[in-house]
Amino acid sequence: MKGTGIFITEEERQNLETEWKCSGMFLPGGEPMGRPEEYAQNLKEKYNPPVGAGINLKTGEWMLP
């Protein structure tokens, strides 16, 4: 993996990690608790990383394969 030098904030990294950990859990009524795809999409729109980049949850850096 190759780093892009683009980092999300520590707070955003922690929120994304929480979303990921809660993914698959449901609130009463069937509403999902964690939505990491939506949160990551919002971060993608905010930071505009290169096509194909993903976030390293340990460092918060956008990485390319």
Protein backbone atom coordinates (compact mmCIF):
# COMPACT_ATOMS: atom_id res chain seq x y z
CA MET A 1 0.00 0.00 0.00
CA LYS A 2 1.22 3.47 -0.86
CA GLY A 3 0.44 6.50 1.29
CA THR A 4 -1.04 9.62 -0.29
CA GLY A 5 -0.05 12.10 2.42
CA ILE A 6 -3.72 13.01 2.92
CA PHE A 7 -4.91 12.46 6.51
CA ILE A 8 -8.33 12.70 8.13
CA THR A 9 -8.52 14.26 11.60
CA GLU A 10 -8.12 12.09 14.69
CA GLU A 11 -11.76 12.70 15.60
CA GLU A 12 -12.90 11.58 12.13
CA ARG A 13 -10.67 8.50 12.38
CA GLN A 14 -12.18 7.57 15.75
CA ASN A 15 -15.73 8.13 14.45
CA LEU A 16 -15.06 5.98 11.39
CA GLU A 17 -13.59 3.22 13.57
CA THR A 18 -16.70 3.33 15.80
CA GLU A 19 -18.97 3.16 12.75
CA TRP A 20 -16.98 0.15 11.50
CA LYS A 21 -17.14 -1.63 14.88
CA CYS A 22 -20.92 -1.10 15.15
CA SER A 23 -21.57 -2.23 11.60
CA GLY A 24 -23.92 -5.20 11.61
CA MET A 25 -25.61 -4.18 14.86
CA PHE A 26 -29.21 -3.02 14.75
CA LEU A 27 -31.31 -0.71 16.90
CA PRO A 28 -34.83 -1.74 17.87
CA GLY A 29 -37.00 -1.49 14.79
CA GLY A 30 -34.28 -2.78 12.49
CA GLU A 31 -32.32 0.44 11.92
CA PRO A 32 -28.57 -0.23 11.53
CA MET A 33 -26.25 1.33 14.14
CA GLY A 34 -23.05 1.67 12.16
CA ARG A 35 -22.88 2.94 8.61
CA PRO A 36 -19.16 3.04 7.76
CA GLU A 37 -19.80 3.21 4.00
CA GLU A 38 -21.81 6.42 4.34
CA TYR A 39 -19.31 7.98 6.73
CA ALA A 40 -16.37 7.08 4.46
CA GLN A 41 -18.25 8.48 1.44
CA ASN A 42 -18.71 11.78 3.27
CA LEU A 43 -14.99 11.85 4.07
CA LYS A 44 -14.20 11.08 0.43
CA GLU A 45 -16.27 14.06 -0.69
CA LYS A 46 -14.56 16.29 1.89
CA TYR A 47 -10.93 15.26 1.19
CA ASN A 48 -11.16 14.34 -2.52
CA PRO A 49 -8.48 11.58 -2.40
CA PRO A 50 -7.13 9.86 -5.55
CA VAL A 51 -9.44 7.34 -7.24
CA GLY A 52 -9.16 3.93 -5.58
CA ALA A 53 -7.83 5.25 -2.25
CA GLY A 54 -9.03 3.87 1.07
CA ILE A 55 -8.51 4.97 4.67
CA ASN A 56 -6.05 3.24 6.96
CA LEU A 57 -7.98 3.05 10.26
CA LYS A 58 -4.76 2.97 12.31
CA THR A 59 -3.19 6.13 10.89
CA GLY A 60 -6.08 7.99 9.25
CA GLU A 61 -4.14 8.30 5.98
CA TRP A 62 -5.69 7.74 2.58
CA MET A 63 -3.84 4.81 0.99
CA LEU A 64 -3.56 3.53 -2.58
CA PRO A 65 -3.19 -0.18 -3.43
